[in-house]
Amino acid sequence: MRILPNQAHELPPQVVFAVAKKLGPPTVRNRIKRRLREALFTVLKSAQPPMVGVDMALVPRREVADCDFGQLCRELESLLRQKK
């Protein structure tokens, strides 16, 4: 995960999911993106203070497609805490 400040300091975060073709066929890659999007939305919704004025780039691994959703949320939350 990469987090960088952006020019619009009051806007919500912009997020890019870089899911490589080597992670699997399109159905698997789409599932990874959907799961990451929902997990990140869940984590950012409860973030205190709210994250604003940043851009994020996430490069997932294949395990994201099959891991427990709660664990995925905890991992993202931990990464966000480290990057602040």
C-alpha atoms as a PDB file:
ATOM      1  CA  MET A   1       0.000   0.000   0.000  1.00  0.00           C
ATOM      2  CA  ARG A   2       1.222   3.440  -0.881  1.00  0.00           C
ATOM      3  CA  ILE A   3      -0.352   6.605   0.575  1.00  0.00           C
ATOM      4  CA  LEU A   4       0.537  10.037  -0.758  1.00  0.00           C
ATOM      5  CA  PRO A   5      -0.898  13.503  -0.034  1.00  0.00           C
ATOM      6  CA  ASN A   6      -2.888  15.095  -2.826  1.00  0.00           C
ATOM      7  CA  GLN A   7      -3.627  18.698  -3.755  1.00  0.00           C
ATOM      8  CA  ALA A   8      -7.279  18.677  -2.619  1.00  0.00           C
ATOM      9  CA  HIS A   9      -6.851  18.540   1.154  1.00  0.00           C
ATOM     10  CA  GLU A  10     -10.567  18.380   1.965  1.00  0.00           C
ATOM     11  CA  LEU A  11     -11.627  15.632  -0.466  1.00  0.00           C
ATOM     12  CA  PRO A  12     -11.996  11.946   0.445  1.00  0.00           C
ATOM     13  CA  PRO A  13      -9.184   9.575  -0.541  1.00  0.00           C
ATOM     14  CA  GLN A  14      -8.692   8.514  -4.137  1.00  0.00           C
ATOM     15  CA  VAL A  15      -7.854   4.821  -4.452  1.00  0.00           C
ATOM     16  CA  VAL A  16      -6.222   2.762  -7.210  1.00  0.00           C
ATOM     17  CA  PHE A  17      -6.266  -1.048  -7.159  1.00  0.00           C
ATOM     18  CA  ALA A  18      -3.405  -2.476  -9.241  1.00  0.00           C
ATOM     19  CA  VAL A  19      -4.441  -6.104  -9.749  1.00  0.00           C
ATOM     20  CA  ALA A  20      -1.974  -7.908 -12.026  1.00  0.00           C
ATOM     21  CA  LYS A  21      -3.063 -10.492 -14.599  1.00  0.00           C
ATOM     22  CA  LYS A  22      -0.795 -13.055 -12.958  1.00  0.00           C
ATOM     23  CA  LEU A  23      -3.260 -13.208 -10.029  1.00  0.00           C
ATOM     24  CA  GLY A  24      -5.726 -15.169 -12.128  1.00  0.00           C
ATOM     25  CA  PRO A  25      -8.495 -14.945 -14.686  1.00  0.00           C
ATOM     26  CA  PRO A  26     -10.732 -11.852 -14.857  1.00  0.00           C
ATOM     27  CA  THR A  27     -13.317 -13.326 -12.468  1.00  0.00           C
ATOM     28  CA  VAL A  28     -10.688 -13.766  -9.738  1.00  0.00           C
ATOM     29  CA  ARG A  29      -9.192 -10.313 -10.319  1.00  0.00           C
ATOM     30  CA  ASN A  30     -12.644  -8.712 -10.191  1.00  0.00           C
ATOM     31  CA  ARG A  31     -13.422 -10.549  -6.951  1.00  0.00           C
ATOM     32  CA  ILE A  32     -10.172  -9.244  -5.440  1.00  0.00           C
ATOM     33  CA  LYS A  33     -11.058  -5.672  -6.448  1.00  0.00           C
ATOM     34  CA  ARG A  34     -14.626  -5.965  -5.097  1.00  0.00           C
ATOM     35  CA  ARG A  35     -13.438  -7.396  -1.766  1.00  0.00           C
ATOM     36  CA  LEU A  36     -10.745  -4.732  -1.371  1.00  0.00           C
ATOM     37  CA  ARG A  37     -13.157  -1.945  -2.284  1.00  0.00           C
ATOM     38  CA  GLU A  38     -15.726  -3.099   0.283  1.00  0.00           C
ATOM     39  CA  ALA A  39     -13.119  -3.725   3.002  1.00  0.00           C
ATOM     40  CA  LEU A  40     -11.521  -0.327   2.444  1.00  0.00           C
ATOM     41  CA  PHE A  41     -14.947   1.359   2.494  1.00  0.00           C
ATOM     42  CA  THR A  42     -15.724  -0.382   5.802  1.00  0.00           C
ATOM     43  CA  VAL A  43     -12.401   0.646   7.344  1.00  0.00           C
ATOM     44  CA  LEU A  44     -12.495   4.253   6.122  1.00  0.00           C
ATOM     45  CA  LYS A  45     -16.097   4.678   7.244  1.00  0.00           C
ATOM     46  CA  SER A  46     -15.067   4.028  10.856  1.00  0.00           C
ATOM     47  CA  ALA A  47     -11.659   5.789  10.700  1.00  0.00           C
ATOM     48  CA  GLN A  48     -11.104   8.402  13.394  1.00  0.00           C
ATOM     49  CA  PRO A  49     -10.082  11.012  12.360  1.00  0.00           C
ATOM     50  CA  PRO A  50     -11.455  10.619   8.837  1.00  0.00           C
ATOM     51  CA  MET A  51      -8.801  10.265   6.140  1.00  0.00           C
ATOM     52  CA  VAL A  52      -8.919  13.154   3.690  1.00  0.00           C
ATOM     53  CA  GLY A  53      -6.494  14.662   1.232  1.00  0.00           C
ATOM     54  CA  VAL A  54      -4.646  11.472   0.295  1.00  0.00           C
ATOM     55  CA  ASP A  55      -4.252   9.181  -2.688  1.00  0.00           C
ATOM     56  CA  MET A  56      -3.801   5.429  -2.157  1.00  0.00           C
ATOM     57  CA  ALA A  57      -2.450   2.670  -4.358  1.00  0.00           C
ATOM     58  CA  LEU A  58      -3.049  -0.953  -3.337  1.00  0.00           C
ATOM     59  CA  VAL A  59      -1.256  -3.895  -4.947  1.00  0.00           C
ATOM     60  CA  PRO A  60      -2.910  -7.057  -3.593  1.00  0.00           C
ATOM     61  CA  ARG A  61      -1.737 -10.653  -3.494  1.00  0.00           C
ATOM     62  CA  ARG A  62      -3.709 -13.691  -4.648  1.00  0.00           C
ATOM     63  CA  GLU A  63      -4.664 -14.592  -1.050  1.00  0.00           C
ATOM     64  CA  VAL A  64      -7.051 -11.600  -0.904  1.00  0.00           C
ATOM     65  CA  ALA A  65      -9.582 -13.529  -3.020  1.00  0.00           C
ATOM     66  CA  ASP A  66     -10.018 -16.269  -0.401  1.00  0.00           C
ATOM     67  CA  CYS A  67      -9.114 -14.801   3.009  1.00  0.00           C
ATOM     68  CA  ASP A  68     -11.664 -14.061   5.728  1.00  0.00           C
ATOM     69  CA  PHE A  69     -13.332 -10.658   5.229  1.00  0.00           C
ATOM     70  CA  GLY A  70     -12.832  -9.659   8.868  1.00  0.00           C
ATOM     71  CA  GLN A  71      -9.154 -10.478   8.617  1.00  0.00           C
ATOM     72  CA  LEU A  72      -8.904  -8.438   5.414  1.00  0.00           C
ATOM     73  CA  CYS A  73     -10.463  -5.425   7.169  1.00  0.00           C
ATOM     74  CA  ARG A  74      -8.077  -5.790  10.131  1.00  0.00           C
ATOM     75  CA  GLU A  75      -5.072  -5.986   7.789  1.00  0.00           C
ATOM     76  CA  LEU A  76      -6.140  -2.852   5.914  1.00  0.00           C
ATOM     77  CA  GLU A  77      -6.785  -1.024   9.179  1.00  0.00           C
ATOM     78  CA  SER A  78      -3.327  -2.004  10.422  1.00  0.00           C
ATOM     79  CA  LEU A  79      -1.702  -0.816   7.185  1.00  0.00           C
ATOM     80  CA  LEU A  80      -3.530   2.507   7.352  1.00  0.00           C
ATOM     81  CA  ARG A  81      -2.439   3.022  10.971  1.00  0.00           C
ATOM     82  CA  GLN A  82       1.198   2.370  10.020  1.00  0.00           C
ATOM     83  CA  LYS A  83       1.061   4.811   7.098  1.00  0.00           C
ATOM     84  CA  LYS A  84      -0.393   7.775   9.049  1.00  0.00           C
END
